Amino acid sequence: MHGCENCGLFVAPGKGCYWFKKKLAPEEIAASNDCNYFIEISYEEGVPLTPHQHSLFKQQDLNSKNMQIPK
């Protein structure tokens, strides 16, 4: 299930979004199932990657989508 709590960009202690660099209101968290910047939490050796590392992956993903040439 999507949502802030399941996103790699979610900063749990401050209940904020690393991508938008802001603290999220409970209403925003509740309505977060359709966020365009959602990224599954990735693990390395059983340890979740940091929000910063996830943001690098997401930026790479967005850049690759912008580089595609339409057919």
PDB file of N, CA and C in Angstrom:
ATOM      1  N   MET A   1       0.839  -1.185   0.000  1.00  0.00           N
ATOM      2  CA  MET A   1       0.000   0.000   0.000  1.00  0.00           C
ATOM      3  C   MET A   1       0.881   1.244   0.000  1.00  0.00           C
ATOM      4  N   HIS A   2       0.522   2.188  -0.793  1.00  0.00           N
ATOM      5  CA  HIS A   2       1.251   3.444  -0.847  1.00  0.00           C
ATOM      6  C   HIS A   2       0.855   4.292   0.349  1.00  0.00           C
ATOM      7  N   GLY A   3       1.594   5.320   0.560  1.00  0.00           N
ATOM      8  CA  GLY A   3       1.347   6.236   1.668  1.00  0.00           C
ATOM      9  C   GLY A   3       2.669   6.678   2.247  1.00  0.00           C
ATOM     10  N   CYS A   4       2.621   7.763   2.944  1.00  0.00           N
ATOM     11  CA  CYS A   4       3.858   8.339   3.481  1.00  0.00           C
ATOM     12  C   CYS A   4       4.636   7.362   4.354  1.00  0.00           C
ATOM     13  N   GLU A   5       3.922   6.626   5.210  1.00  0.00           N
ATOM     14  CA  GLU A   5       4.616   5.735   6.139  1.00  0.00           C
ATOM     15  C   GLU A   5       5.371   4.624   5.422  1.00  0.00           C
ATOM     16  N   ASN A   6       4.980   4.320   4.188  1.00  0.00           N
ATOM     17  CA  ASN A   6       5.617   3.254   3.415  1.00  0.00           C
ATOM     18  C   ASN A   6       6.554   3.791   2.342  1.00  0.00           C
ATOM     19  N   CYS A   7       6.839   5.071   2.377  1.00  0.00           N
ATOM     20  CA  CYS A   7       7.668   5.720   1.365  1.00  0.00           C
ATOM     21  C   CYS A   7       9.098   5.902   1.878  1.00  0.00           C
ATOM     22  N   GLY A   8      10.044   5.711   0.991  1.00  0.00           N
ATOM     23  CA  GLY A   8      11.446   5.894   1.345  1.00  0.00           C
ATOM     24  C   GLY A   8      11.823   7.341   1.606  1.00  0.00           C
ATOM     25  N   LEU A   9      10.976   8.275   1.207  1.00  0.00           N
ATOM     26  CA  LEU A   9      11.257   9.694   1.410  1.00  0.00           C
ATOM     27  C   LEU A   9      10.655  10.235   2.703  1.00  0.00           C
ATOM     28  N   PHE A  10       9.944   9.383   3.444  1.00  0.00           N
ATOM     29  CA  PHE A  10       9.294   9.806   4.683  1.00  0.00           C
ATOM     30  C   PHE A  10      10.305   9.812   5.829  1.00  0.00           C
ATOM     31  N   VAL A  11      10.368  10.909   6.544  1.00  0.00           N
ATOM     32  CA  VAL A  11      11.250  11.036   7.706  1.00  0.00           C
ATOM     33  C   VAL A  11      10.371  10.819   8.932  1.00  0.00           C
ATOM     34  N   ALA A  12      10.445   9.613   9.506  1.00  0.00           N
ATOM     35  CA  ALA A  12       9.529   9.226  10.571  1.00  0.00           C
ATOM     36  C   ALA A  12       9.622  10.083  11.834  1.00  0.00           C
ATOM     37  N   PRO A  13      10.819  10.364  12.364  1.00  0.00           N
ATOM     38  CA  PRO A  13      10.848  11.114  13.628  1.00  0.00           C
ATOM     39  C   PRO A  13      10.162  12.479  13.552  1.00  0.00           C
ATOM     40  N   GLY A  14      10.297  13.165  12.435  1.00  0.00           N
ATOM     41  CA  GLY A  14       9.699  14.486  12.316  1.00  0.00           C
ATOM     42  C   GLY A  14       8.395  14.484  11.548  1.00  0.00           C
ATOM     43  N   LYS A  15       7.971  13.288  11.087  1.00  0.00           N
ATOM     44  CA  LYS A  15       6.769  13.147  10.256  1.00  0.00           C
ATOM     45  C   LYS A  15       6.789  14.141   9.106  1.00  0.00           C
ATOM     46  N   GLY A  16       7.889  14.097   8.369  1.00  0.00           N
ATOM     47  CA  GLY A  16       8.061  15.024   7.258  1.00  0.00           C
ATOM     48  C   GLY A  16       8.411  14.307   5.979  1.00  0.00           C
ATOM     49  N   CYS A  17       8.412  15.065   4.908  1.00  0.00           N
ATOM     50  CA  CYS A  17       8.773  14.555   3.590  1.00  0.00           C
ATOM     51  C   CYS A  17      10.130  15.116   3.208  1.00  0.00           C
ATOM     52  N   TYR A  18      11.061  14.226   2.932  1.00  0.00           N
ATOM     53  CA  TYR A  18      12.404  14.651   2.549  1.00  0.00           C
ATOM     54  C   TYR A  18      12.379  15.348   1.196  1.00  0.00           C
ATOM     55  N   TRP A  19      11.530  14.879   0.280  1.00  0.00           N
ATOM     56  CA  TRP A  19      11.468  15.450  -1.063  1.00  0.00           C
ATOM     57  C   TRP A  19      10.987  16.895  -1.030  1.00  0.00           C
ATOM     58  N   PHE A  20       9.888  17.140  -0.299  1.00  0.00           N
ATOM     59  CA  PHE A  20       9.322  18.481  -0.223  1.00  0.00           C
ATOM     60  C   PHE A  20       9.925  19.325   0.896  1.00  0.00           C
ATOM     61  N   LYS A  21      10.750  18.691   1.721  1.00  0.00           N
ATOM     62  CA  LYS A  21      11.431  19.375   2.829  1.00  0.00           C
ATOM     63  C   LYS A  21      10.455  20.141   3.720  1.00  0.00           C
ATOM     64  N   LYS A  22       9.417  19.411   4.149  1.00  0.00           N
ATOM     65  CA  LYS A  22       8.440  20.028   5.042  1.00  0.00           C
ATOM     66  C   LYS A  22       7.819  18.981   5.942  1.00  0.00           C
ATOM     67  N   LYS A  23       7.333  19.440   7.078  1.00  0.00           N
ATOM     68  CA  LYS A  23       6.611  18.579   7.997  1.00  0.00           C
ATOM     69  C   LYS A  23       5.204  18.408   7.457  1.00  0.00           C
ATOM     70  N   LEU A  24       4.709  17.181   7.494  1.00  0.00           N
ATOM     71  CA  LEU A  24       3.401  16.887   6.930  1.00  0.00           C
ATOM     72  C   LEU A  24       2.323  16.922   8.004  1.00  0.00           C
ATOM     73  N   ALA A  25       1.212  17.525   7.670  1.00  0.00           N
ATOM     74  CA  ALA A  25       0.058  17.545   8.556  1.00  0.00           C
ATOM     75  C   ALA A  25      -0.601  16.165   8.520  1.00  0.00           C
ATOM     76  N   PRO A  26      -1.296  15.777   9.576  1.00  0.00           N
ATOM     77  CA  PRO A  26      -1.976  14.468   9.577  1.00  0.00           C
ATOM     78  C   PRO A  26      -2.916  14.286   8.377  1.00  0.00           C
ATOM     79  N   GLU A  27      -3.542  15.365   7.922  1.00  0.00           N
ATOM     80  CA  GLU A  27      -4.437  15.272   6.762  1.00  0.00           C
ATOM     81  C   GLU A  27      -3.652  14.944   5.488  1.00  0.00           C
ATOM     82  N   GLU A  28      -2.458  15.509   5.368  1.00  0.00           N
ATOM     83  CA  GLU A  28      -1.622  15.233   4.199  1.00  0.00           C
ATOM     84  C   GLU A  28      -1.151  13.787   4.197  1.00  0.00           C
ATOM     85  N   ILE A  29      -0.809  13.281   5.365  1.00  0.00           N
ATOM     86  CA  ILE A  29      -0.372  11.891   5.473  1.00  0.00           C
ATOM     87  C   ILE A  29      -1.528  10.958   5.130  1.00  0.00           C
ATOM     88  N   ALA A  30      -2.732  11.281   5.606  1.00  0.00           N
ATOM     89  CA  ALA A  30      -3.902  10.450   5.343  1.00  0.00           C
ATOM     90  C   ALA A  30      -4.265  10.441   3.859  1.00  0.00           C
ATOM     91  N   ALA A  31      -4.006  11.522   3.154  1.00  0.00           N
ATOM     92  CA  ALA A  31      -4.366  11.642   1.735  1.00  0.00           C
ATOM     93  C   ALA A  31      -3.184  11.376   0.819  1.00  0.00           C
ATOM     94  N   SER A  32      -2.184  10.679   1.284  1.00  0.00           N
ATOM     95  CA  SER A  32      -0.939  10.533   0.528  1.00  0.00           C
ATOM     96  C   SER A  32      -0.891   9.309  -0.381  1.00  0.00           C
ATOM     97  N   ASN A  33      -1.984   8.629  -0.586  1.00  0.00           N
ATOM     98  CA  ASN A  33      -1.957   7.400  -1.385  1.00  0.00           C
ATOM     99  C   ASN A  33      -1.715   7.619  -2.870  1.00  0.00           C
ATOM    100  N   ASP A  34      -1.791   8.848  -3.349  1.00  0.00           N
ATOM    101  CA  ASP A  34      -1.586   9.090  -4.771  1.00  0.00           C
ATOM    102  C   ASP A  34      -0.439  10.066  -5.042  1.00  0.00           C
ATOM    103  N   CYS A  35       0.586  10.034  -4.216  1.00  0.00           N
ATOM    104  CA  CYS A  35       1.728  10.927  -4.378  1.00  0.00           C
ATOM    105  C   CYS A  35       2.586  10.493  -5.566  1.00  0.00           C
ATOM    106  N   ASN A  36       2.922  11.435  -6.428  1.00  0.00           N
ATOM    107  CA  ASN A  36       3.739  11.141  -7.609  1.00  0.00           C
ATOM    108  C   ASN A  36       5.188  10.831  -7.265  1.00  0.00           C
ATOM    109  N   TYR A  37       5.626  11.174  -6.083  1.00  0.00           N
ATOM    110  CA  TYR A  37       7.022  10.985  -5.695  1.00  0.00           C
ATOM    111  C   TYR A  37       7.229   9.783  -4.789  1.00  0.00           C
ATOM    112  N   PHE A  38       6.196   8.970  -4.604  1.00  0.00           N
ATOM    113  CA  PHE A  38       6.299   7.781  -3.763  1.00  0.00           C
ATOM    114  C   PHE A  38       7.382   6.854  -4.309  1.00  0.00           C
ATOM    115  N   ILE A  39       8.183   6.306  -3.400  1.00  0.00           N
ATOM    116  CA  ILE A  39       9.201   5.315  -3.754  1.00  0.00           C
ATOM    117  C   ILE A  39       9.219   4.259  -2.665  1.00  0.00           C
ATOM    118  N   GLU A  40       9.195   2.997  -3.090  1.00  0.00           N
ATOM    119  CA  GLU A  40       9.249   1.884  -2.141  1.00  0.00           C
ATOM    120  C   GLU A  40      10.531   1.972  -1.326  1.00  0.00           C
ATOM    121  N   ILE A  41      10.448   1.561  -0.081  1.00  0.00           N
ATOM    122  CA  ILE A  41      11.629   1.551   0.783  1.00  0.00           C
ATOM    123  C   ILE A  41      12.561   0.439   0.315  1.00  0.00           C
ATOM    124  N   SER A  42      13.809   0.795   0.046  1.00  0.00           N
ATOM    125  CA  SER A  42      14.825  -0.168  -0.373  1.00  0.00           C
ATOM    126  C   SER A  42      15.719  -0.494   0.819  1.00  0.00           C
ATOM    127  N   TYR A  43      16.208  -1.724   0.829  1.00  0.00           N
ATOM    128  CA  TYR A  43      17.055  -2.197   1.919  1.00  0.00           C
ATOM    129  C   TYR A  43      18.384  -2.674   1.369  1.00  0.00           C
ATOM    130  N   GLU A  44      19.422  -2.466   2.150  1.00  0.00           N
ATOM    131  CA  GLU A  44      20.732  -2.988   1.823  1.00  0.00           C
ATOM    132  C   GLU A  44      21.242  -3.729   3.051  1.00  0.00           C
ATOM    133  N   GLU A  45      21.440  -5.025   2.896  1.00  0.00           N
ATOM    134  CA  GLU A  45      21.862  -5.893   3.997  1.00  0.00           C
ATOM    135  C   GLU A  45      20.898  -5.797   5.170  1.00  0.00           C
ATOM    136  N   GLY A  46      19.608  -5.707   4.871  1.00  0.00           N
ATOM    137  CA  GLY A  46      18.581  -5.690   5.899  1.00  0.00           C
ATOM    138  C   GLY A  46      18.344  -4.339   6.548  1.00  0.00           C
ATOM    139  N   VAL A  47      19.081  -3.328   6.141  1.00  0.00           N
ATOM    140  CA  VAL A  47      18.955  -1.989   6.725  1.00  0.00           C
ATOM    141  C   VAL A  47      18.320  -1.069   5.679  1.00  0.00           C
ATOM    142  N   PRO A  48      17.260  -0.338   6.056  1.00  0.00           N
ATOM    143  CA  PRO A  48      16.644   0.560   5.072  1.00  0.00           C
ATOM    144  C   PRO A  48      17.583   1.704   4.700  1.00  0.00           C
ATOM    145  N   LEU A  49      17.538   2.084   3.427  1.00  0.00           N
ATOM    146  CA  LEU A  49      18.334   3.221   2.980  1.00  0.00           C
ATOM    147  C   LEU A  49      17.768   4.500   3.598  1.00  0.00           C
ATOM    148  N   THR A  50      18.570   5.536   3.634  1.00  0.00           N
ATOM    149  CA  THR A  50      18.147   6.809   4.213  1.00  0.00           C
ATOM    150  C   THR A  50      17.234   7.550   3.231  1.00  0.00           C
ATOM    151  N   PRO A  51      16.444   8.498   3.727  1.00  0.00           N
ATOM    152  CA  PRO A  51      15.632   9.307   2.815  1.00  0.00           C
ATOM    153  C   PRO A  51      16.479  10.017   1.750  1.00  0.00           C
ATOM    154  N   HIS A  52      17.687  10.420   2.110  1.00  0.00           N
ATOM    155  CA  HIS A  52      18.569  11.066   1.134  1.00  0.00           C
ATOM    156  C   HIS A  52      18.914  10.098   0.002  1.00  0.00           C
ATOM    157  N   GLN A  53      19.253   8.872   0.343  1.00  0.00           N
ATOM    158  CA  GLN A  53      19.582   7.881  -0.676  1.00  0.00           C
ATOM    159  C   GLN A  53      18.371   7.586  -1.563  1.00  0.00           C
ATOM    160  N   HIS A  54      17.193   7.491  -0.942  1.00  0.00           N
ATOM    161  CA  HIS A  54      15.981   7.273  -1.720  1.00  0.00           C
ATOM    162  C   HIS A  54      15.715   8.455  -2.661  1.00  0.00           C
ATOM    163  N   SER A  55      15.996   9.670  -2.196  1.00  0.00           N
ATOM    164  CA  SER A  55      15.764  10.838  -3.054  1.00  0.00           C
ATOM    165  C   SER A  55      16.689  10.816  -4.272  1.00  0.00           C
ATOM    166  N   LEU A  56      17.900  10.310  -4.107  1.00  0.00           N
ATOM    167  CA  LEU A  56      18.817  10.187  -5.246  1.00  0.00           C
ATOM    168  C   LEU A  56      18.267   9.199  -6.273  1.00  0.00           C
ATOM    169  N   PHE A  57      17.718   8.080  -5.799  1.00  0.00           N
ATOM    170  CA  PHE A  57      17.109   7.105  -6.695  1.00  0.00           C
ATOM    171  C   PHE A  57      15.905   7.705  -7.420  1.00  0.00           C
ATOM    172  N   LYS A  58      15.087   8.433  -6.688  1.00  0.00           N
ATOM    173  CA  LYS A  58      13.891   9.027  -7.286  1.00  0.00           C
ATOM    174  C   LYS A  58      14.284  10.075  -8.329  1.00  0.00           C
ATOM    175  N   GLN A  59      15.275  10.882  -8.035  1.00  0.00           N
ATOM    176  CA  GLN A  59      15.742  11.891  -8.991  1.00  0.00           C
ATOM    177  C   GLN A  59      16.267  11.220 -10.252  1.00  0.00           C
ATOM    178  N   GLN A  60      16.985  10.129 -10.078  1.00  0.00           N
ATOM    179  CA  GLN A  60      17.501   9.369 -11.217  1.00  0.00           C
ATOM    180  C   GLN A  60      16.349   8.827 -12.057  1.00  0.00           C
ATOM    181  N   ASP A  61      15.322   8.311 -11.398  1.00  0.00           N
ATOM    182  CA  ASP A  61      14.152   7.777 -12.080  1.00  0.00           C
ATOM    183  C   ASP A  61      13.440   8.876 -12.877  1.00  0.00           C
ATOM    184  N   LEU A  62      13.244  10.027 -12.261  1.00  0.00           N
ATOM    185  CA  LEU A  62      12.587  11.142 -12.945  1.00  0.00           C
ATOM    186  C   LEU A  62      13.411  11.633 -14.127  1.00  0.00           C
ATOM    187  N   ASN A  63      14.714  11.707 -13.956  1.00  0.00           N
ATOM    188  CA  ASN A  63      15.591  12.139 -15.047  1.00  0.00           C
ATOM    189  C   ASN A  63      15.535  11.168 -16.228  1.00  0.00           C
ATOM    190  N   SER A  64      15.483   9.874 -15.936  1.00  0.00           N
ATOM    191  CA  SER A  64      15.440   8.889 -17.015  1.00  0.00           C
ATOM    192  C   SER A  64      14.122   8.979 -17.772  1.00  0.00           C
ATOM    193  N   LYS A  65      13.033   9.298 -17.092  1.00  0.00           N
ATOM    194  CA  LYS A  65      11.740   9.442 -17.770  1.00  0.00           C
ATOM    195  C   LYS A  65      11.717  10.688 -18.639  1.00  0.00           C
ATOM    196  N   ASN A  66      12.402  11.747 -18.246  1.00  0.00           N
ATOM    197  CA  ASN A  66      12.462  12.955 -19.037  1.00  0.00           C
ATOM    198  C   ASN A  66      13.345  12.787 -20.271  1.00  0.00           C
ATOM    199  N   MET A  67      14.269  11.856 -20.219  1.00  0.00           N
ATOM    200  CA  MET A  67      15.215  11.681 -21.314  1.00  0.00           C
ATOM    201  C   MET A  67      14.656  10.793 -22.428  1.00  0.00           C
ATOM    202  N   GLN A  68      13.542  10.091 -22.187  1.00  0.00           N
ATOM    203  CA  GLN A  68      13.000   9.181 -23.189  1.00  0.00           C
ATOM    204  C   GLN A  68      12.440   9.974 -24.366  1.00  0.00           C
ATOM    205  N   ILE A  69      12.723   9.473 -25.551  1.00  0.00           N
ATOM    206  CA  ILE A  69      12.250  10.121 -26.771  1.00  0.00           C
ATOM    207  C   ILE A  69      10.935   9.455 -27.177  1.00  0.00           C
ATOM    208  N   PRO A  70       9.886  10.246 -27.381  1.00  0.00           N
ATOM    209  CA  PRO A  70       8.608   9.651 -27.801  1.00  0.00           C
ATOM    210  C   PRO A  70       8.725   9.030 -29.186  1.00  0.00           C
ATOM    211  N   LYS A  71       7.989   7.949 -29.394  1.00  0.00           N
ATOM    212  CA  LYS A  71       8.043   7.232 -30.681  1.00  0.00           C
ATOM    213  C   LYS A  71       6.875   7.631 -31.552  1.00  0.00           C
TER     214      LYS A  71
END
